[in-house]
Amino acid sequence: MKLKLDLHDIYNRGQDIDRALRAVIDEAVAKRITLVEIIPGKGSGQLKKRVLRFLDQKEIRALYHRIEKDAQNWGRLFIHFRFK
């Protein structure tokens, strides 16, 4: 199973972006979902950088296994989770 978060609608509302990212990560952990797709879009790249900075926070980083940048579509990220 996979979760998907499209940030196009809230690209310019910083706190909403953080809340949406935290909510999708919390949901993935709670439901033991192994893949989350985040779509910051292509644009100038600032939103993608913000998402990557959010994901790099120590307490967030501890929740997931790895991040994969889509080679075919650079406006998309995959967060992989590993559960024991």
Protein backbone atom coordinates (compact mmCIF):
# COMPACT_ATOMS: atom_id res chain seq x y z
CA MET A 1 0.00 0.00 0.00
CA LYS A 2 1.16 3.54 -0.73
CA LEU A 3 0.20 7.01 0.49
CA LYS A 4 0.37 10.06 -1.75
CA LEU A 5 0.71 13.74 -0.81
CA ASP A 6 0.40 16.40 -3.50
CA LEU A 7 1.63 19.80 -2.30
CA HIS A 8 0.48 21.83 -5.32
CA ASP A 9 -2.53 23.28 -3.47
CA ILE A 10 -0.57 24.50 -0.43
CA TYR A 11 2.79 25.38 -2.01
CA ASN A 12 2.87 28.89 -0.51
CA ARG A 13 1.57 28.17 3.02
CA GLY A 14 4.56 27.09 5.11
CA GLN A 15 2.80 25.84 8.23
CA ASP A 16 0.26 23.91 6.17
CA ILE A 17 3.10 22.21 4.32
CA ASP A 18 4.75 21.12 7.57
CA ARG A 19 1.41 19.91 8.98
CA ALA A 20 0.62 17.93 5.83
CA LEU A 21 4.07 16.32 5.77
CA ARG A 22 3.88 15.40 9.45
CA ALA A 23 0.36 14.00 9.01
CA VAL A 24 1.30 11.75 6.08
CA ILE A 25 4.39 10.46 7.90
CA ASP A 26 2.41 9.81 11.08
CA GLU A 27 -0.26 7.98 9.07
CA ALA A 28 2.36 5.84 7.32
CA VAL A 29 3.91 4.87 10.66
CA ALA A 30 0.53 4.18 12.30
CA LYS A 31 -0.72 2.04 9.42
CA ARG A 32 2.70 0.49 8.71
CA ILE A 33 2.69 1.69 5.10
CA THR A 34 6.05 1.15 3.44
CA LEU A 35 5.92 3.86 0.73
CA VAL A 36 4.85 7.50 0.71
CA GLU A 37 4.92 9.53 -2.50
CA ILE A 38 5.32 13.29 -2.07
CA ILE A 39 4.75 15.58 -5.04
CA PRO A 40 6.24 19.04 -4.51
CA GLY A 41 6.12 19.72 -8.26
CA LYS A 42 8.85 20.89 -10.58
CA GLY A 43 8.64 24.70 -10.28
CA SER A 44 11.73 26.51 -9.04
CA GLY A 45 12.75 23.70 -6.69
CA GLN A 46 12.21 25.69 -3.50
CA LEU A 47 9.29 23.56 -2.30
CA LYS A 48 11.27 20.37 -2.88
CA LYS A 49 14.17 21.82 -0.87
CA ARG A 50 11.75 22.71 1.94
CA VAL A 51 10.37 19.15 1.94
CA LEU A 52 13.88 17.68 2.04
CA ARG A 53 14.84 19.99 4.94
CA PHE A 54 11.71 18.90 6.81
CA LEU A 55 12.51 15.24 6.23
CA ASP A 56 16.10 15.76 7.38
CA GLN A 57 15.07 16.83 10.90
CA LYS A 58 16.43 14.38 13.46
CA GLU A 59 13.05 13.31 14.91
CA ILE A 60 11.52 12.89 11.43
CA ARG A 61 14.59 11.09 10.01
CA ALA A 62 14.27 8.45 12.74
CA LEU A 63 10.82 7.46 11.43
CA TYR A 64 11.71 6.43 7.86
CA HIS A 65 14.31 4.25 6.17
CA ARG A 66 15.34 6.24 3.07
CA ILE A 67 14.33 8.89 0.51
CA GLU A 68 14.33 8.20 -3.20
CA LYS A 69 14.31 11.00 -5.76
CA ASP A 70 12.42 9.89 -8.86
CA ALA A 71 14.87 9.76 -11.77
CA GLN A 72 12.06 10.03 -14.33
CA ASN A 73 10.19 12.93 -12.67
CA TRP A 74 12.26 15.28 -10.50
CA GLY A 75 9.07 16.81 -9.08
CA ARG A 76 8.39 13.67 -7.03
CA LEU A 77 9.95 12.03 -3.96
CA PHE A 78 9.43 8.61 -2.42
CA ILE A 79 9.89 7.99 1.29
CA HIS A 80 10.49 4.34 2.14
CA PHE A 81 9.67 2.94 5.56
CA ARG A 82 10.90 -0.34 7.04
CA PHE A 83 9.04 -2.00 9.87
CA LYS A 84 10.17 -4.96 11.93
